[in-house]
C-alpha cells in the first residue's frame, strides 16, 4: 500500500529525472530566453563592453544564488543527499512555516 501511494505521488508530481546538462539548459533558458530579443539592441546602443560586463556580473550572481538555494535544499531535514523532492515553496514551509510558504 505504501509503495502504491509513493508511485502515484511520483507519477503525479514527476520524478527526479533532470541531469546536470538538462539543469544547465533550463537555467540558461530562464536567464537568457526573455532577454534574447533585446540583446542586439542593447549592444547596438551601449557598445559591447558594458553589456558584456553586466551579463557576466548577472551570471556570477545567479550562480551564487543557485548555490545558496541548493545548500538550503540540502539542509532540509532528511534531504542531505537530495533523496526527497524539495520544491522552492517547501523550503519556505520548512523554515518559515505556513506564513512563509504563502509568501513564497
PDB file of N, CA and C in Angstrom:
ATOM      1  N   UNK A   1       0.827  -1.210   0.000  1.00  0.00           N
ATOM      2  CA  UNK A   1       0.000   0.000   0.000  1.00  0.00           C
ATOM      3  C   UNK A   1       0.862   1.261   0.000  1.00  0.00           C
ATOM      4  N   UNK A   2       1.953   1.228   0.776  1.00  0.00           N
ATOM      5  CA  UNK A   2       2.843   2.381   0.829  1.00  0.00           C
ATOM      6  C   UNK A   2       3.520   2.609  -0.517  1.00  0.00           C
ATOM      7  N   UNK A   3       3.937   1.508  -1.168  1.00  0.00           N
ATOM      8  CA  UNK A   3       4.609   1.660  -2.463  1.00  0.00           C
ATOM      9  C   UNK A   3       3.647   2.181  -3.528  1.00  0.00           C
ATOM     10  N   UNK A   4       2.367   1.810  -3.428  1.00  0.00           N
ATOM     11  CA  UNK A   4       1.383   2.298  -4.392  1.00  0.00           C
ATOM     12  C   UNK A   4       1.187   3.795  -4.233  1.00  0.00           C
ATOM     13  N   UNK A   5       1.069   4.280  -2.980  1.00  0.00           N
ATOM     14  CA  UNK A   5       0.897   5.720  -2.785  1.00  0.00           C
ATOM     15  C   UNK A   5       2.158   6.473  -3.181  1.00  0.00           C
ATOM     16  N   UNK A   6       3.324   5.871  -2.938  1.00  0.00           N
ATOM     17  CA  UNK A   6       4.590   6.502  -3.336  1.00  0.00           C
ATOM     18  C   UNK A   6       4.649   6.606  -4.860  1.00  0.00           C
ATOM     19  N   UNK A   7       4.263   5.536  -5.562  1.00  0.00           N
ATOM     20  CA  UNK A   7       4.299   5.562  -7.021  1.00  0.00           C
ATOM     21  C   UNK A   7       3.314   6.563  -7.585  1.00  0.00           C
ATOM     22  N   UNK A   8       2.133   6.648  -6.995  1.00  0.00           N
ATOM     23  CA  UNK A   8       1.162   7.595  -7.521  1.00  0.00           C
ATOM     24  C   UNK A   8       1.610   9.033  -7.282  1.00  0.00           C
ATOM     25  N   UNK A   9       2.234   9.298  -6.125  1.00  0.00           N
ATOM     26  CA  UNK A   9       2.755  10.645  -5.881  1.00  0.00           C
ATOM     27  C   UNK A   9       3.851  10.977  -6.884  1.00  0.00           C
ATOM     28  N   UNK A  10       4.768  10.013  -7.106  1.00  0.00           N
ATOM     29  CA  UNK A  10       5.857  10.265  -8.040  1.00  0.00           C
ATOM     30  C   UNK A  10       5.310  10.454  -9.449  1.00  0.00           C
ATOM     31  N   UNK A  11       4.279   9.693  -9.811  1.00  0.00           N
ATOM     32  CA  UNK A  11       3.689   9.832 -11.137  1.00  0.00           C
ATOM     33  C   UNK A  11       3.016  11.200 -11.284  1.00  0.00           C
ATOM     34  N   UNK A  12       2.298  11.631 -10.253  1.00  0.00           N
ATOM     35  CA  UNK A  12       1.596  12.907 -10.326  1.00  0.00           C
ATOM     36  C   UNK A  12       2.545  14.093 -10.276  1.00  0.00           C
ATOM     37  N   UNK A  13       3.556  14.016  -9.422  1.00  0.00           N
ATOM     38  CA  UNK A  13       4.453  15.147  -9.229  1.00  0.00           C
ATOM     39  C   UNK A  13       5.678  15.084 -10.124  1.00  0.00           C
ATOM     40  N   UNK A  14       5.921  13.968 -10.738  1.00  0.00           N
ATOM     41  CA  UNK A  14       7.107  13.811 -11.571  1.00  0.00           C
ATOM     42  C   UNK A  14       8.268  13.318 -10.746  1.00  0.00           C
ATOM     43  N   UNK A  15       9.133  12.558 -11.356  1.00  0.00           N
ATOM     44  CA  UNK A  15      10.292  12.034 -10.656  1.00  0.00           C
ATOM     45  C   UNK A  15      11.482  12.944 -10.821  1.00  0.00           C
ATOM     46  N   UNK A  16      12.547  12.587 -10.156  1.00  0.00           N
ATOM     47  CA  UNK A  16      13.794  13.333 -10.312  1.00  0.00           C
ATOM     48  C   UNK A  16      14.479  12.813 -11.569  1.00  0.00           C
ATOM     49  N   UNK A  17      14.203  13.439 -12.677  1.00  0.00           N
ATOM     50  CA  UNK A  17      14.734  12.926 -13.941  1.00  0.00           C
ATOM     51  C   UNK A  17      15.693  13.886 -14.621  1.00  0.00           C
ATOM     52  N   UNK A  18      15.894  15.067 -14.084  1.00  0.00           N
ATOM     53  CA  UNK A  18      16.797  16.028 -14.720  1.00  0.00           C
ATOM     54  C   UNK A  18      18.231  15.744 -14.315  1.00  0.00           C
ATOM     55  N   UNK A  19      19.096  15.700 -15.303  1.00  0.00           N
ATOM     56  CA  UNK A  19      20.516  15.550 -15.041  1.00  0.00           C
ATOM     57  C   UNK A  19      21.197  16.901 -15.029  1.00  0.00           C
ATOM     58  N   UNK A  20      22.512  16.895 -14.949  1.00  0.00           N
ATOM     59  CA  UNK A  20      23.284  18.131 -14.903  1.00  0.00           C
ATOM     60  C   UNK A  20      23.088  18.953 -16.177  1.00  0.00           C
ATOM     61  N   UNK A  21      23.206  18.313 -17.330  1.00  0.00           N
ATOM     62  CA  UNK A  21      23.073  19.037 -18.595  1.00  0.00           C
ATOM     63  C   UNK A  21      21.694  19.666 -18.735  1.00  0.00           C
ATOM     64  N   UNK A  22      20.647  18.896 -18.426  1.00  0.00           N
ATOM     65  CA  UNK A  22      19.285  19.420 -18.520  1.00  0.00           C
ATOM     66  C   UNK A  22      19.078  20.598 -17.581  1.00  0.00           C
ATOM     67  N   UNK A  23      19.633  20.507 -16.393  1.00  0.00           N
ATOM     68  CA  UNK A  23      19.509  21.598 -15.429  1.00  0.00           C
ATOM     69  C   UNK A  23      20.181  22.860 -15.947  1.00  0.00           C
ATOM     70  N   UNK A  24      21.361  22.718 -16.527  1.00  0.00           N
ATOM     71  CA  UNK A  24      22.085  23.876 -17.067  1.00  0.00           C
ATOM     72  C   UNK A  24      21.292  24.496 -18.217  1.00  0.00           C
ATOM     73  N   UNK A  25      20.741  23.659 -19.082  1.00  0.00           N
ATOM     74  CA  UNK A  25      19.954  24.171 -20.209  1.00  0.00           C
ATOM     75  C   UNK A  25      18.741  24.952 -19.715  1.00  0.00           C
ATOM     76  N   UNK A  26      18.053  24.445 -18.698  1.00  0.00           N
ATOM     77  CA  UNK A  26      16.879  25.143 -18.167  1.00  0.00           C
ATOM     78  C   UNK A  26      17.276  26.477 -17.546  1.00  0.00           C
ATOM     79  N   UNK A  27      18.374  26.500 -16.798  1.00  0.00           N
ATOM     80  CA  UNK A  27      18.816  27.750 -16.170  1.00  0.00           C
ATOM     81  C   UNK A  27      19.194  28.780 -17.230  1.00  0.00           C
ATOM     82  N   UNK A  28      19.964  28.366 -18.222  1.00  0.00           N
ATOM     83  CA  UNK A  28      20.353  29.296 -19.288  1.00  0.00           C
ATOM     84  C   UNK A  28      19.118  29.792 -20.033  1.00  0.00           C
ATOM     85  N   UNK A  29      18.172  28.910 -20.281  1.00  0.00           N
ATOM     86  CA  UNK A  29      16.938  29.310 -20.964  1.00  0.00           C
ATOM     87  C   UNK A  29      16.161  30.326 -20.129  1.00  0.00           C
ATOM     88  N   UNK A  30      16.054  30.088 -18.843  1.00  0.00           N
ATOM     89  CA  UNK A  30      15.300  31.013 -17.986  1.00  0.00           C
ATOM     90  C   UNK A  30      16.001  32.355 -17.829  1.00  0.00           C
ATOM     91  N   UNK A  31      17.319  32.354 -17.827  1.00  0.00           N
ATOM     92  CA  UNK A  31      18.061  33.605 -17.672  1.00  0.00           C
ATOM     93  C   UNK A  31      18.081  34.385 -18.989  1.00  0.00           C
ATOM     94  N   UNK A  32      18.450  33.715 -20.051  1.00  0.00           N
ATOM     95  CA  UNK A  32      18.698  34.415 -21.312  1.00  0.00           C
ATOM     96  C   UNK A  32      17.501  34.449 -22.244  1.00  0.00           C
ATOM     97  N   UNK A  33      16.586  33.526 -22.098  1.00  0.00           N
ATOM     98  CA  UNK A  33      15.461  33.412 -23.026  1.00  0.00           C
ATOM     99  C   UNK A  33      14.703  34.698 -23.268  1.00  0.00           C
ATOM    100  N   UNK A  34      14.117  35.303 -22.236  1.00  0.00           N
ATOM    101  CA  UNK A  34      13.331  36.519 -22.473  1.00  0.00           C
ATOM    102  C   UNK A  34      14.163  37.700 -22.967  1.00  0.00           C
ATOM    103  N   UNK A  35      15.394  37.803 -22.538  1.00  0.00           N
ATOM    104  CA  UNK A  35      16.224  38.930 -22.924  1.00  0.00           C
ATOM    105  C   UNK A  35      16.898  38.787 -24.271  1.00  0.00           C
ATOM    106  N   UNK A  36      16.832  37.601 -24.867  1.00  0.00           N
ATOM    107  CA  UNK A  36      17.497  37.367 -26.146  1.00  0.00           C
ATOM    108  C   UNK A  36      17.024  38.318 -27.234  1.00  0.00           C
ATOM    109  N   UNK A  37      15.764  38.663 -27.205  1.00  0.00           N
ATOM    110  CA  UNK A  37      15.230  39.530 -28.253  1.00  0.00           C
ATOM    111  C   UNK A  37      15.742  40.962 -28.132  1.00  0.00           C
ATOM    112  N   UNK A  38      16.116  41.368 -26.920  1.00  0.00           N
ATOM    113  CA  UNK A  38      16.529  42.741 -26.677  1.00  0.00           C
ATOM    114  C   UNK A  38      18.055  42.906 -26.756  1.00  0.00           C
ATOM    115  N   UNK A  39      18.794  41.817 -26.593  1.00  0.00           N
ATOM    116  CA  UNK A  39      20.262  41.917 -26.549  1.00  0.00           C
ATOM    117  C   UNK A  39      20.892  42.610 -27.758  1.00  0.00           C
ATOM    118  N   UNK A  40      20.485  42.313 -28.980  1.00  0.00           N
ATOM    119  CA  UNK A  40      21.106  43.026 -30.096  1.00  0.00           C
ATOM    120  C   UNK A  40      20.946  44.549 -29.995  1.00  0.00           C
ATOM    121  N   UNK A  41      19.781  44.995 -29.575  1.00  0.00           N
ATOM    122  CA  UNK A  41      19.543  46.434 -29.440  1.00  0.00           C
ATOM    123  C   UNK A  41      20.393  47.026 -28.322  1.00  0.00           C
ATOM    124  N   UNK A  42      20.526  46.292 -27.220  1.00  0.00           N
ATOM    125  CA  UNK A  42      21.355  46.763 -26.103  1.00  0.00           C
ATOM    126  C   UNK A  42      22.799  46.922 -26.553  1.00  0.00           C
ATOM    127  N   UNK A  43      23.313  45.925 -27.260  1.00  0.00           N
ATOM    128  CA  UNK A  43      24.694  46.021 -27.751  1.00  0.00           C
ATOM    129  C   UNK A  43      24.838  47.141 -28.782  1.00  0.00           C
ATOM    130  N   UNK A  44      23.826  47.358 -29.582  1.00  0.00           N
ATOM    131  CA  UNK A  44      23.885  48.422 -30.581  1.00  0.00           C
ATOM    132  C   UNK A  44      23.925  49.791 -29.904  1.00  0.00           C
ATOM    133  N   UNK A  45      23.123  49.972 -28.862  1.00  0.00           N
ATOM    134  CA  UNK A  45      23.041  51.271 -28.190  1.00  0.00           C
ATOM    135  C   UNK A  45      24.191  51.518 -27.218  1.00  0.00           C
ATOM    136  N   UNK A  46      24.655  50.468 -26.528  1.00  0.00           N
ATOM    137  CA  UNK A  46      25.629  50.673 -25.448  1.00  0.00           C
ATOM    138  C   UNK A  46      27.030  50.193 -25.788  1.00  0.00           C
ATOM    139  N   UNK A  47      27.229  49.606 -26.943  1.00  0.00           N
ATOM    140  CA  UNK A  47      28.549  49.056 -27.256  1.00  0.00           C
ATOM    141  C   UNK A  47      28.659  47.642 -26.708  1.00  0.00           C
ATOM    142  N   UNK A  48      29.858  47.088 -26.762  1.00  0.00           N
ATOM    143  CA  UNK A  48      29.982  45.699 -26.336  1.00  0.00           C
ATOM    144  C   UNK A  48      30.555  45.541 -24.932  1.00  0.00           C
ATOM    145  N   UNK A  49      31.251  46.523 -24.394  1.00  0.00           N
ATOM    146  CA  UNK A  49      31.924  46.362 -23.098  1.00  0.00           C
ATOM    147  C   UNK A  49      30.930  46.343 -21.937  1.00  0.00           C
ATOM    148  N   UNK A  50      30.126  47.378 -21.814  1.00  0.00           N
ATOM    149  CA  UNK A  50      29.225  47.491 -20.659  1.00  0.00           C
ATOM    150  C   UNK A  50      28.193  46.349 -20.628  1.00  0.00           C
ATOM    151  N   UNK A  51      27.499  46.034 -21.713  1.00  0.00           N
ATOM    152  CA  UNK A  51      26.556  44.918 -21.640  1.00  0.00           C
ATOM    153  C   UNK A  51      27.226  43.585 -21.308  1.00  0.00           C
ATOM    154  N   UNK A  52      28.429  43.359 -21.842  1.00  0.00           N
ATOM    155  CA  UNK A  52      29.133  42.113 -21.559  1.00  0.00           C
ATOM    156  C   UNK A  52      29.518  42.025 -20.088  1.00  0.00           C
ATOM    157  N   UNK A  53      30.021  43.122 -19.525  1.00  0.00           N
ATOM    158  CA  UNK A  53      30.381  43.135 -18.100  1.00  0.00           C
ATOM    159  C   UNK A  53      29.144  42.916 -17.233  1.00  0.00           C
ATOM    160  N   UNK A  54      28.048  43.571 -17.568  1.00  0.00           N
ATOM    161  CA  UNK A  54      26.811  43.412 -16.791  1.00  0.00           C
ATOM    162  C   UNK A  54      26.300  41.976 -16.879  1.00  0.00           C
ATOM    163  N   UNK A  55      26.325  41.378 -18.075  1.00  0.00           N
ATOM    164  CA  UNK A  55      25.889  39.992 -18.215  1.00  0.00           C
ATOM    165  C   UNK A  55      26.759  39.034 -17.403  1.00  0.00           C
ATOM    166  N   UNK A  56      28.061  39.271 -17.390  1.00  0.00           N
ATOM    167  CA  UNK A  56      28.965  38.425 -16.597  1.00  0.00           C
ATOM    168  C   UNK A  56      28.654  38.566 -15.110  1.00  0.00           C
ATOM    169  N   UNK A  57      28.426  39.788 -14.658  1.00  0.00           N
ATOM    170  CA  UNK A  57      28.077  40.006 -13.241  1.00  0.00           C
ATOM    171  C   UNK A  57      26.766  39.307 -12.892  1.00  0.00           C
ATOM    172  N   UNK A  58      25.787  39.405 -13.765  1.00  0.00           N
ATOM    173  CA  UNK A  58      24.498  38.743 -13.522  1.00  0.00           C
ATOM    174  C   UNK A  58      24.666  37.226 -13.496  1.00  0.00           C
ATOM    175  N   UNK A  59      25.474  36.687 -14.382  1.00  0.00           N
ATOM    176  CA  UNK A  59      25.715  35.238 -14.393  1.00  0.00           C
ATOM    177  C   UNK A  59      26.396  34.776 -13.111  1.00  0.00           C
ATOM    178  N   UNK A  60      27.365  35.538 -12.644  1.00  0.00           N
ATOM    179  CA  UNK A  60      28.059  35.188 -11.394  1.00  0.00           C
ATOM    180  C   UNK A  60      27.098  35.267 -10.211  1.00  0.00           C
ATOM    181  N   UNK A  61      26.295  36.317 -10.163  1.00  0.00           N
ATOM    182  CA  UNK A  61      25.313  36.449  -9.075  1.00  0.00           C
ATOM    183  C   UNK A  61      24.301  35.308  -9.124  1.00  0.00           C
ATOM    184  N   UNK A  62      23.854  34.931 -10.309  1.00  0.00           N
ATOM    185  CA  UNK A  62      22.908  33.823 -10.449  1.00  0.00           C
ATOM    186  C   UNK A  62      23.526  32.510  -9.980  1.00  0.00           C
ATOM    187  N   UNK A  63      24.798  32.312 -10.288  1.00  0.00           N
ATOM    188  CA  UNK A  63      25.480  31.095  -9.843  1.00  0.00           C
ATOM    189  C   UNK A  63      25.558  31.044  -8.316  1.00  0.00           C
ATOM    190  N   UNK A  64      25.871  32.188  -7.683  1.00  0.00           N
ATOM    191  CA  UNK A  64      25.915  32.227  -6.215  1.00  0.00           C
ATOM    192  C   UNK A  64      24.543  31.946  -5.611  1.00  0.00           C
ATOM    193  N   UNK A  65      23.519  32.559  -6.155  1.00  0.00           N
ATOM    194  CA  UNK A  65      22.164  32.356  -5.632  1.00  0.00           C
ATOM    195  C   UNK A  65      21.742  30.893  -5.803  1.00  0.00           C
ATOM    196  N   UNK A  66      22.036  30.296  -6.951  1.00  0.00           N
ATOM    197  CA  UNK A  66      21.703  28.892  -7.171  1.00  0.00           C
ATOM    198  C   UNK A  66      22.444  27.994  -6.192  1.00  0.00           C
ATOM    199  N   UNK A  67      23.713  28.326  -5.919  1.00  0.00           N
ATOM    200  CA  UNK A  67      24.488  27.553  -4.953  1.00  0.00           C
ATOM    201  C   UNK A  67      23.887  27.658  -3.561  1.00  0.00           C
ATOM    202  N   UNK A  68      23.487  28.844  -3.177  1.00  0.00           N
ATOM    203  CA  UNK A  68      22.854  29.025  -1.861  1.00  0.00           C
ATOM    204  C   UNK A  68      21.534  28.268  -1.782  1.00  0.00           C
ATOM    205  N   UNK A  69      20.758  28.294  -2.854  1.00  0.00           N
ATOM    206  CA  UNK A  69      19.479  27.594  -2.871  1.00  0.00           C
ATOM    207  C   UNK A  69      19.685  26.085  -2.733  1.00  0.00           C
ATOM    208  N   UNK A  70      20.659  25.544  -3.435  1.00  0.00           N
ATOM    209  CA  UNK A  70      20.955  24.116  -3.330  1.00  0.00           C
ATOM    210  C   UNK A  70      21.431  23.775  -1.925  1.00  0.00           C
ATOM    211  N   UNK A  71      22.233  24.652  -1.325  1.00  0.00           N
ATOM    212  CA  UNK A  71      22.698  24.426   0.048  1.00  0.00           C
ATOM    213  C   UNK A  71      21.522  24.390   1.024  1.00  0.00           C
ATOM    214  N   UNK A  72      20.597  25.312   0.863  1.00  0.00           N
ATOM    215  CA  UNK A  72      19.415  25.332   1.738  1.00  0.00           C
ATOM    216  C   UNK A  72      18.578  24.077   1.515  1.00  0.00           C
ATOM    217  N   UNK A  73      18.440  23.638   0.270  1.00  0.00           N
ATOM    218  CA  UNK A  73      17.693  22.411  -0.005  1.00  0.00           C
ATOM    219  C   UNK A  73      18.342  21.209   0.673  1.00  0.00           C
ATOM    220  N   UNK A  74      19.662  21.162   0.668  1.00  0.00           N
ATOM    221  CA  UNK A  74      20.370  20.048   1.304  1.00  0.00           C
ATOM    222  C   UNK A  74      20.236  20.089   2.826  1.00  0.00           C
ATOM    223  N   UNK A  75      20.005  21.264   3.383  1.00  0.00           N
ATOM    224  CA  UNK A  75      19.871  21.398   4.841  1.00  0.00           C
ATOM    225  C   UNK A  75      18.469  21.088   5.362  1.00  0.00           C
ATOM    226  N   UNK A  76      17.515  20.871   4.472  1.00  0.00           N
ATOM    227  CA  UNK A  76      16.180  20.458   4.907  1.00  0.00           C
ATOM    228  C   UNK A  76      16.336  19.087   5.556  1.00  0.00           C
ATOM    229  N   UNK A  77      15.786  18.906   6.759  1.00  0.00           N
ATOM    230  CA  UNK A  77      15.940  17.617   7.448  1.00  0.00           C
ATOM    231  C   UNK A  77      15.517  16.433   6.579  1.00  0.00           C
ATOM    232  N   UNK A  78      16.395  15.437   6.515  1.00  0.00           N
ATOM    233  CA  UNK A  78      16.116  14.240   5.725  1.00  0.00           C
ATOM    234  C   UNK A  78      16.434  14.379   4.253  1.00  0.00           C
ATOM    235  N   UNK A  79      17.129  15.439   3.862  1.00  0.00           N
ATOM    236  CA  UNK A  79      17.417  15.666   2.445  1.00  0.00           C
ATOM    237  C   UNK A  79      18.889  15.970   2.200  1.00  0.00           C
ATOM    238  N   UNK A  80      19.774  15.500   3.057  1.00  0.00           N
ATOM    239  CA  UNK A  80      21.193  15.841   2.913  1.00  0.00           C
ATOM    240  C   UNK A  80      21.802  15.303   1.623  1.00  0.00           C
ATOM    241  N   UNK A  81      21.259  14.214   1.104  1.00  0.00           N
ATOM    242  CA  UNK A  81      21.749  13.650  -0.160  1.00  0.00           C
ATOM    243  C   UNK A  81      20.728  13.824  -1.282  1.00  0.00           C
ATOM    244  N   UNK A  82      19.810  14.764  -1.098  1.00  0.00           N
ATOM    245  CA  UNK A  82      18.777  15.083  -2.080  1.00  0.00           C
ATOM    246  C   UNK A  82      17.901  13.868  -2.400  1.00  0.00           C
ATOM    247  N   UNK A  83      17.578  13.093  -1.379  1.00  0.00           N
ATOM    248  CA  UNK A  83      16.725  11.931  -1.589  1.00  0.00           C
ATOM    249  C   UNK A  83      15.244  12.294  -1.599  1.00  0.00           C
ATOM    250  N   UNK A  84      14.887  13.467  -1.117  1.00  0.00           N
ATOM    251  CA  UNK A  84      13.499  13.928  -1.142  1.00  0.00           C
ATOM    252  C   UNK A  84      13.304  14.915  -2.287  1.00  0.00           C
ATOM    253  N   UNK A  85      12.074  15.046  -2.708  1.00  0.00           N
ATOM    254  CA  UNK A  85      11.756  16.058  -3.721  1.00  0.00           C
ATOM    255  C   UNK A  85      11.384  17.340  -2.988  1.00  0.00           C
ATOM    256  N   UNK A  86      12.254  18.314  -3.026  1.00  0.00           N
ATOM    257  CA  UNK A  86      12.049  19.580  -2.339  1.00  0.00           C
ATOM    258  C   UNK A  86      11.877  20.669  -3.398  1.00  0.00           C
ATOM    259  N   UNK A  87      10.761  21.351  -3.341  1.00  0.00           N
ATOM    260  CA  UNK A  87      10.497  22.464  -4.238  1.00  0.00           C
ATOM    261  C   UNK A  87      10.816  23.770  -3.508  1.00  0.00           C
ATOM    262  N   UNK A  88      10.843  24.860  -4.245  1.00  0.00           N
ATOM    263  CA  UNK A  88      11.130  26.172  -3.680  1.00  0.00           C
ATOM    264  C   UNK A  88      10.181  26.500  -2.529  1.00  0.00           C
ATOM    265  N   UNK A  89       8.904  26.215  -2.718  1.00  0.00           N
ATOM    266  CA  UNK A  89       7.895  26.517  -1.700  1.00  0.00           C
ATOM    267  C   UNK A  89       8.115  25.662  -0.447  1.00  0.00           C
ATOM    268  N   UNK A  90       8.568  24.415  -0.635  1.00  0.00           N
ATOM    269  CA  UNK A  90       8.811  23.547   0.514  1.00  0.00           C
ATOM    270  C   UNK A  90       9.890  24.099   1.434  1.00  0.00           C
ATOM    271  N   UNK A  91      10.850  24.807   0.878  1.00  0.00           N
ATOM    272  CA  UNK A  91      11.914  25.408   1.698  1.00  0.00           C
ATOM    273  C   UNK A  91      11.311  26.471   2.609  1.00  0.00           C
ATOM    274  N   UNK A  92      10.460  27.313   2.062  1.00  0.00           N
ATOM    275  CA  UNK A  92       9.815  28.338   2.886  1.00  0.00           C
ATOM    276  C   UNK A  92       8.932  27.699   3.949  1.00  0.00           C
ATOM    277  N   UNK A  93       8.224  26.648   3.578  1.00  0.00           N
ATOM    278  CA  UNK A  93       7.366  25.955   4.539  1.00  0.00           C
ATOM    279  C   UNK A  93       8.201  25.349   5.658  1.00  0.00           C
ATOM    280  N   UNK A  94       9.333  24.779   5.321  1.00  0.00           N
ATOM    281  CA  UNK A  94      10.188  24.122   6.318  1.00  0.00           C
ATOM    282  C   UNK A  94      10.782  25.118   7.311  1.00  0.00           C
ATOM    283  N   UNK A  95      11.250  26.246   6.819  1.00  0.00           N
ATOM    284  CA  UNK A  95      11.973  27.177   7.681  1.00  0.00           C
ATOM    285  C   UNK A  95      11.117  28.324   8.217  1.00  0.00           C
ATOM    286  N   UNK A  96      10.099  28.732   7.479  1.00  0.00           N
ATOM    287  CA  UNK A  96       9.292  29.879   7.910  1.00  0.00           C
ATOM    288  C   UNK A  96       7.852  29.520   8.221  1.00  0.00           C
ATOM    289  N   UNK A  97       7.487  28.252   8.055  1.00  0.00           N
ATOM    290  CA  UNK A  97       6.141  27.812   8.375  1.00  0.00           C
ATOM    291  C   UNK A  97       5.135  28.161   7.295  1.00  0.00           C
ATOM    292  N   UNK A  98       3.878  28.032   7.657  1.00  0.00           N
ATOM    293  CA  UNK A  98       2.783  28.234   6.712  1.00  0.00           C
ATOM    294  C   UNK A  98       2.759  29.654   6.136  1.00  0.00           C
ATOM    295  N   UNK A  99       3.017  30.648   6.979  1.00  0.00           N
ATOM    296  CA  UNK A  99       3.020  32.043   6.505  1.00  0.00           C
ATOM    297  C   UNK A  99       4.119  32.268   5.472  1.00  0.00           C
ATOM    298  N   UNK A 100       5.294  31.691   5.711  1.00  0.00           N
ATOM    299  CA  UNK A 100       6.394  31.809   4.760  1.00  0.00           C
ATOM    300  C   UNK A 100       6.082  31.128   3.447  1.00  0.00           C
ATOM    301  N   UNK A 101       5.408  29.984   3.529  1.00  0.00           N
ATOM    302  CA  UNK A 101       5.037  29.264   2.320  1.00  0.00           C
ATOM    303  C   UNK A 101       4.049  30.093   1.492  1.00  0.00           C
ATOM    304  N   UNK A 102       3.114  30.746   2.156  1.00  0.00           N
ATOM    305  CA  UNK A 102       2.153  31.588   1.447  1.00  0.00           C
ATOM    306  C   UNK A 102       2.859  32.800   0.836  1.00  0.00           C
ATOM    307  N   UNK A 103       3.880  33.306   1.495  1.00  0.00           N
ATOM    308  CA  UNK A 103       4.647  34.428   0.973  1.00  0.00           C
ATOM    309  C   UNK A 103       5.398  34.039  -0.292  1.00  0.00           C
ATOM    310  N   UNK A 104       5.930  32.826  -0.303  1.00  0.00           N
ATOM    311  CA  UNK A 104       6.673  32.342  -1.473  1.00  0.00           C
ATOM    312  C   UNK A 104       5.730  32.123  -2.628  1.00  0.00           C
TER     313      UNK A 104
END
